[in-house]
Amino acid sequence: RALPLPGCCGRFRERRWQQRGRADPAEPPLSYPGDAMAAAFKKAAKAGQREHRERGQPRFRRHLGLLEKKEDYKRRANDYHKKQNVLRALRKKALEKNPDEFYFKMTRVQLQDGVHVIKQPKEEVTQEQLKVMRTQDLKYVEMKRVAEAKKIERMKSELHLLDAQGKQSNKHVFFFDTKKEVQEFDVATHLNTFPELVDRVYNRPTIETLQKETVKGATQPAHLKKLAQQRKHQYSLLKQRIEREKKMFVITQKIQARKDLLDKTYKVKVKKETVNSPAVYKFKFQRKR
């Protein structure tokens, strides 16, 4: 067989590709219908072949449970080695520990039932406050707070807070000259009213007023009970609005404090931030021109 000369390599290669049916070596090889048919027959032959299953646990060893496969063994082995590595690292750390070692975290850690518990710092900002401060503007929060304050004033003017729960009980002191008058003292007789009306904080008419004028309003027990429930509901709504207004006031103060911190003036923190109050800073005095 004669070897081609160095200068004729390109011509020999081109002739070889032409003999194979391709004019350009960059063209993809020709595909024949027989190749696709062979692949289809090969795939169809696999559908009817025997299904190879993993061997199960023998009948005489069925009391031991399922037969462990390699995947189960690897999972169990990896878990075992992981635990051994942790124990080895802890053992090494205990051996190499310095008895005179100290770091400041030791002052905030306590040992409870063999477990180190770190003292959690007091919460400065609740999640609700943080969400409002990130999503809402100062003017919007202040507008909502003013609206709540107006609703509170309107409800207070309607309810008067006469028999609200938690209200400090008023005291009525009577003065007498002798001890005999103190022993014979009767509140209903002194106030000139019926004993059933003595415990009332408001709307306590005298006997003469009841004799002269007719009773106005509800007198039936069922109606009075319903009115008492409605009054109690109104007081609970008023309490919720007062708490909401306080929360909004705290949020506005915290937003304003964060805006004030953008100033480049030297400042010192005087009081830490809490859930119910913003942080207090003392700014360096600068004389304005």
Protein backbone atom coordinates (compact mmCIF):
# COMPACT_ATOMS: atom_id res chain seq x y z
CA ARG A 1 0.00 0.00 0.00
CA ALA A 2 1.47 3.35 -1.10
CA LEU A 3 1.37 6.13 1.45
CA PRO A 4 0.11 9.54 0.23
CA LEU A 5 2.57 12.36 -0.06
CA PRO A 6 2.42 15.18 2.48
CA GLY A 7 1.17 17.70 -0.06
CA CYS A 8 -1.60 15.39 -1.30
CA CYS A 9 -3.29 14.61 2.00
CA GLY A 10 -6.16 17.00 1.33
CA ARG A 11 -6.91 15.50 -2.10
CA PHE A 12 -6.87 11.92 -0.79
CA ARG A 13 -9.22 12.90 2.08
CA GLU A 14 -11.66 14.65 -0.28
CA ARG A 15 -11.66 11.63 -2.62
CA ARG A 16 -12.37 9.32 0.30
CA TRP A 17 -15.39 11.41 1.43
CA GLN A 18 -16.71 11.47 -2.14
CA GLN A 19 -16.50 7.67 -2.31
CA ARG A 20 -18.58 7.46 0.91
CA GLY A 21 -21.33 9.65 -0.57
CA ARG A 22 -20.53 13.00 1.04
CA ALA A 23 -19.00 15.89 -0.84
CA ASP A 24 -18.17 17.89 2.29
CA PRO A 25 -16.70 16.37 5.46
CA ALA A 26 -18.75 18.88 7.54
CA GLU A 27 -22.02 17.29 6.39
CA PRO A 28 -23.66 14.84 8.85
CA PRO A 29 -23.58 11.15 7.97
CA LEU A 30 -26.46 9.74 5.95
CA SER A 31 -29.18 7.84 7.89
CA TYR A 32 -31.01 4.87 6.41
CA PRO A 33 -34.55 3.66 7.27
CA GLY A 34 -33.08 0.35 8.39
CA ASP A 35 -31.40 1.96 11.41
CA ALA A 36 -34.69 3.34 12.77
CA MET A 37 -36.42 0.00 12.21
CA ALA A 38 -33.66 -1.84 14.07
CA ALA A 39 -33.94 0.52 17.04
CA ALA A 40 -37.72 0.07 17.12
CA PHE A 41 -37.43 -3.74 17.06
CA LYS A 42 -34.81 -3.64 19.81
CA LYS A 43 -37.04 -1.50 22.02
CA ALA A 44 -40.03 -3.77 21.37
CA ALA A 45 -37.96 -6.86 22.25
CA LYS A 46 -37.17 -5.37 25.69
CA ALA A 47 -40.88 -5.10 26.52
CA GLY A 48 -41.32 -8.86 26.50
CA GLN A 49 -38.16 -9.86 28.30
CA ARG A 50 -38.14 -11.15 31.84
CA GLU A 51 -38.44 -8.65 34.67
CA HIS A 52 -35.51 -8.95 37.06
CA ARG A 53 -36.64 -8.43 40.65
CA GLU A 54 -34.59 -8.11 43.81
CA ARG A 55 -34.45 -11.14 46.01
CA GLY A 56 -36.74 -10.94 49.02
CA GLN A 57 -36.33 -12.32 52.50
CA PRO A 58 -36.46 -16.16 52.57
CA ARG A 59 -39.46 -17.71 54.24
CA PHE A 60 -37.51 -19.21 57.16
CA ARG A 61 -35.97 -15.74 57.88
CA ARG A 62 -39.20 -13.75 57.53
CA HIS A 63 -39.37 -13.22 61.29
CA LEU A 64 -36.26 -11.01 60.99
CA GLY A 65 -38.09 -8.45 58.84
CA LEU A 66 -37.39 -7.18 55.34
CA LEU A 67 -34.15 -8.13 53.63
CA GLU A 68 -31.73 -5.22 53.75
CA LYS A 69 -30.60 -3.96 50.33
CA LYS A 70 -27.50 -2.02 49.49
CA GLU A 71 -29.36 1.29 49.54
CA ASP A 72 -30.61 0.61 53.07
CA TYR A 73 -27.15 -0.50 54.18
CA LYS A 74 -25.52 2.66 52.79
CA ARG A 75 -28.04 4.86 54.54
CA ARG A 76 -27.52 3.08 57.85
CA ALA A 77 -23.74 3.09 57.44
CA ASN A 78 -23.60 6.80 56.61
CA ASP A 79 -25.73 7.63 59.65
CA TYR A 80 -23.49 5.50 61.87
CA HIS A 81 -20.29 7.09 60.56
CA LYS A 82 -21.76 10.57 60.93
CA LYS A 83 -22.55 9.97 64.59
CA GLN A 84 -19.11 8.46 65.18
CA ASN A 85 -17.46 11.52 63.62
CA VAL A 86 -19.47 13.82 65.90
CA LEU A 87 -18.51 11.82 68.99
CA ARG A 88 -14.87 11.79 67.91
CA ALA A 89 -14.88 15.57 67.41
CA LEU A 90 -16.52 16.16 70.81
CA ARG A 91 -14.06 13.81 72.50
CA LYS A 92 -11.14 15.63 70.90
CA LYS A 93 -12.59 19.02 71.87
CA ALA A 94 -12.98 17.88 75.50
CA LEU A 95 -9.40 16.61 75.63
CA GLU A 96 -7.95 19.79 74.15
CA LYS A 97 -10.06 22.15 76.26
CA ASN A 98 -8.21 24.76 78.28
CA PRO A 99 -9.50 24.82 81.92
CA ASP A 100 -8.68 28.55 82.15
CA GLU A 101 -10.59 29.41 78.99
CA PHE A 102 -13.10 32.24 79.23
CA TYR A 103 -15.26 34.07 76.75
CA PHE A 104 -18.00 36.60 77.40
CA LYS A 105 -20.77 34.34 76.17
CA MET A 106 -20.32 32.30 79.37
CA THR A 107 -21.98 35.11 81.32
CA ARG A 108 -25.18 34.74 79.28
CA VAL A 109 -25.38 30.93 79.24
CA GLN A 110 -26.97 28.71 81.86
CA LEU A 111 -26.97 24.94 82.20
CA GLN A 112 -30.51 23.58 82.59
CA ASP A 113 -30.99 19.81 82.73
CA GLY A 114 -27.61 19.27 81.07
CA VAL A 115 -28.43 21.61 78.16
CA HIS A 116 -26.87 25.04 77.59
CA VAL A 117 -29.60 27.67 77.41
CA ILE A 118 -28.71 31.15 76.17
CA LYS A 119 -30.54 34.07 77.73
CA GLN A 120 -32.59 35.63 74.97
CA PRO A 121 -32.42 39.43 74.81
CA LYS A 122 -35.57 41.39 75.42
CA GLU A 123 -37.66 41.97 72.34
CA GLU A 124 -37.18 45.52 71.09
CA VAL A 125 -39.55 45.47 68.10
CA THR A 126 -42.49 43.13 67.57
CA GLN A 127 -43.16 41.51 64.20
CA GLU A 128 -46.30 43.61 63.74
CA GLN A 129 -44.41 46.86 64.37
CA LEU A 130 -41.59 45.79 62.04
CA LYS A 131 -44.04 44.96 59.26
CA VAL A 132 -45.81 48.33 59.54
CA MET A 133 -42.55 50.29 59.70
CA ARG A 134 -41.22 48.57 56.56
CA THR A 135 -44.38 48.84 54.46
CA GLN A 136 -46.07 52.07 55.59
CA ASP A 137 -45.03 55.72 55.63
CA LEU A 138 -44.91 57.98 58.68
CA LYS A 139 -47.68 60.26 57.39
CA TYR A 140 -49.99 57.30 56.71
CA VAL A 141 -49.52 55.82 60.20
CA GLU A 142 -50.03 59.24 61.79
CA MET A 143 -53.22 59.76 59.77
CA LYS A 144 -54.62 56.40 60.95
CA ARG A 145 -53.66 57.20 64.54
CA VAL A 146 -55.47 60.56 64.44
CA ALA A 147 -58.55 58.84 62.99
CA GLU A 148 -58.50 56.30 65.83
CA ALA A 149 -58.11 59.10 68.40
CA LYS A 150 -61.18 60.90 67.01
CA LYS A 151 -63.23 57.69 67.16
CA ILE A 152 -62.12 57.17 70.76
CA GLU A 153 -63.20 60.69 71.75
CA ARG A 154 -66.56 60.16 70.05
CA MET A 155 -67.15 56.86 71.90
CA LYS A 156 -66.08 58.38 75.22
CA SER A 157 -68.58 61.20 74.79
CA GLU A 158 -71.35 58.64 74.20
CA LEU A 159 -70.46 56.16 76.96
CA HIS A 160 -69.15 58.58 79.64
CA LEU A 161 -67.19 55.66 81.20
CA LEU A 162 -69.58 55.56 84.16
CA ASP A 163 -69.68 51.80 84.77
CA ALA A 164 -66.69 50.62 82.76
CA GLN A 165 -64.73 47.65 84.08
CA GLY A 166 -61.32 48.45 85.50
CA LYS A 167 -62.31 52.04 86.27
CA GLN A 168 -61.18 53.30 89.65
CA SER A 169 -64.15 53.21 92.00
CA ASN A 170 -65.22 56.57 93.39
CA LYS A 171 -65.52 57.17 97.12
CA HIS A 172 -68.24 59.08 98.88
CA VAL A 173 -67.29 60.06 102.44
CA PHE A 174 -69.94 61.13 104.97
CA PHE A 175 -68.97 63.09 108.11
CA PHE A 176 -70.79 62.92 111.48
CA ASP A 177 -70.32 64.55 114.82
CA THR A 178 -71.00 61.63 117.17
CA LYS A 179 -70.43 57.87 117.18
CA LYS A 180 -74.15 57.27 117.70
CA GLU A 181 -74.90 58.85 114.32
CA VAL A 182 -72.27 56.63 112.71
CA GLN A 183 -73.84 53.47 114.16
CA GLU A 184 -77.37 54.51 113.12
CA PHE A 185 -76.27 55.65 109.66
CA ASP A 186 -78.22 54.27 106.66
CA VAL A 187 -77.07 55.14 103.12
CA ALA A 188 -80.53 54.86 101.51
CA THR A 189 -82.14 57.08 104.17
CA HIS A 190 -79.33 59.62 103.97
CA LEU A 191 -79.51 59.82 100.14
CA ASN A 192 -83.33 59.78 100.20
CA THR A 193 -83.60 56.93 97.71
CA PHE A 194 -84.51 53.25 97.58
CA PRO A 195 -81.99 50.61 98.77
CA GLU A 196 -82.03 49.00 95.30
CA LEU A 197 -80.64 52.20 93.77
CA VAL A 198 -77.80 52.77 96.24
CA ASP A 199 -75.19 50.80 94.24
CA ARG A 200 -75.82 52.81 91.08
CA VAL A 201 -73.07 55.14 89.99
CA TYR A 202 -75.42 57.24 87.88
CA ASN A 203 -79.19 57.74 87.44
CA ARG A 204 -80.02 57.49 91.13
CA PRO A 205 -83.24 59.50 91.58
CA THR A 206 -84.70 60.40 94.95
CA ILE A 207 -88.03 59.15 96.31
CA GLU A 208 -89.76 62.49 95.61
CA THR A 209 -88.61 62.44 91.99
CA LEU A 210 -89.96 58.91 91.50
CA GLN A 211 -93.31 59.93 93.04
CA LYS A 212 -93.70 63.02 90.88
CA GLU A 213 -92.43 61.77 87.50
CA THR A 214 -92.97 58.55 85.55
CA VAL A 215 -90.10 56.18 84.81
CA LYS A 216 -88.62 56.75 81.36
CA GLY A 217 -86.83 54.07 79.38
CA ALA A 218 -86.71 50.31 79.67
CA THR A 219 -88.07 48.69 82.81
CA GLN A 220 -88.35 45.01 81.87
CA PRO A 221 -85.48 42.75 83.06
CA ALA A 222 -84.93 41.19 79.60
CA HIS A 223 -84.63 44.60 77.98
CA LEU A 224 -82.30 45.84 80.71
CA LYS A 225 -80.09 42.75 80.28
CA LYS A 226 -79.87 43.36 76.54
CA LEU A 227 -78.91 46.99 77.08
CA ALA A 228 -76.21 45.92 79.56
CA GLN A 229 -74.75 43.51 76.99
CA GLN A 230 -74.69 46.21 74.32
CA ARG A 231 -73.00 48.62 76.73
CA LYS A 232 -70.40 45.97 77.60
CA HIS A 233 -69.72 45.37 73.91
CA GLN A 234 -69.22 49.10 73.33
CA TYR A 235 -66.74 49.26 76.21
CA SER A 236 -64.75 46.34 74.77
CA LEU A 237 -64.60 48.10 71.37
CA LEU A 238 -63.43 51.27 73.08
CA LYS A 239 -60.70 49.34 74.88
CA GLN A 240 -59.49 47.79 71.61
CA ARG A 241 -59.39 51.17 69.89
CA ILE A 242 -57.40 52.70 72.77
CA GLU A 243 -54.83 49.89 72.56
CA ARG A 244 -54.61 50.24 68.76
CA GLU A 245 -54.06 53.99 69.08
CA LYS A 246 -51.24 53.41 71.59
CA LYS A 247 -49.54 50.91 69.26
CA MET A 248 -49.74 53.33 66.33
CA PHE A 249 -48.29 56.12 68.47
CA VAL A 250 -45.32 53.91 69.39
CA ILE A 251 -44.81 52.97 65.72
CA THR A 252 -44.81 56.62 64.64
CA GLN A 253 -42.23 57.43 67.30
CA LYS A 254 -39.97 54.58 66.16
CA ILE A 255 -40.25 55.58 62.49
CA GLN A 256 -39.40 59.18 63.40
CA ALA A 257 -36.42 58.00 65.49
CA ARG A 258 -35.08 55.99 62.55
CA LYS A 259 -35.42 59.04 60.31
CA ASP A 260 -33.57 61.20 62.85
CA LEU A 261 -30.71 58.68 62.90
CA LEU A 262 -29.98 59.47 59.25
CA ASP A 263 -28.50 62.76 60.43
CA LYS A 264 -24.69 62.79 60.41
CA THR A 265 -24.50 64.64 63.72
CA TYR A 266 -22.65 62.89 66.53
CA LYS A 267 -25.12 61.20 68.86
CA VAL A 268 -25.13 58.99 71.95
CA LYS A 269 -27.80 56.42 72.83
CA VAL A 270 -29.32 57.30 76.17
CA LYS A 271 -32.06 54.66 76.38
CA LYS A 272 -32.49 51.38 74.55
CA GLU A 273 -35.48 50.63 72.36
CA THR A 274 -38.29 48.56 73.85
CA VAL A 275 -41.62 47.22 72.63
CA ASN A 276 -43.52 50.17 74.10
CA SER A 277 -41.04 53.00 73.53
CA PRO A 278 -38.45 54.04 70.92
CA ALA A 279 -34.75 54.47 71.54
CA VAL A 280 -33.65 57.81 72.97
CA TYR A 281 -30.55 59.54 71.54
CA LYS A 282 -28.74 62.67 72.63
CA PHE A 283 -27.40 64.69 69.69
CA LYS A 284 -24.44 66.99 69.84
CA PHE A 285 -25.47 70.63 69.81
CA GLN A 286 -24.47 72.49 66.68
CA ARG A 287 -25.03 76.18 66.27
CA LYS A 288 -26.88 77.03 63.09
CA ARG A 289 -25.79 80.00 61.01
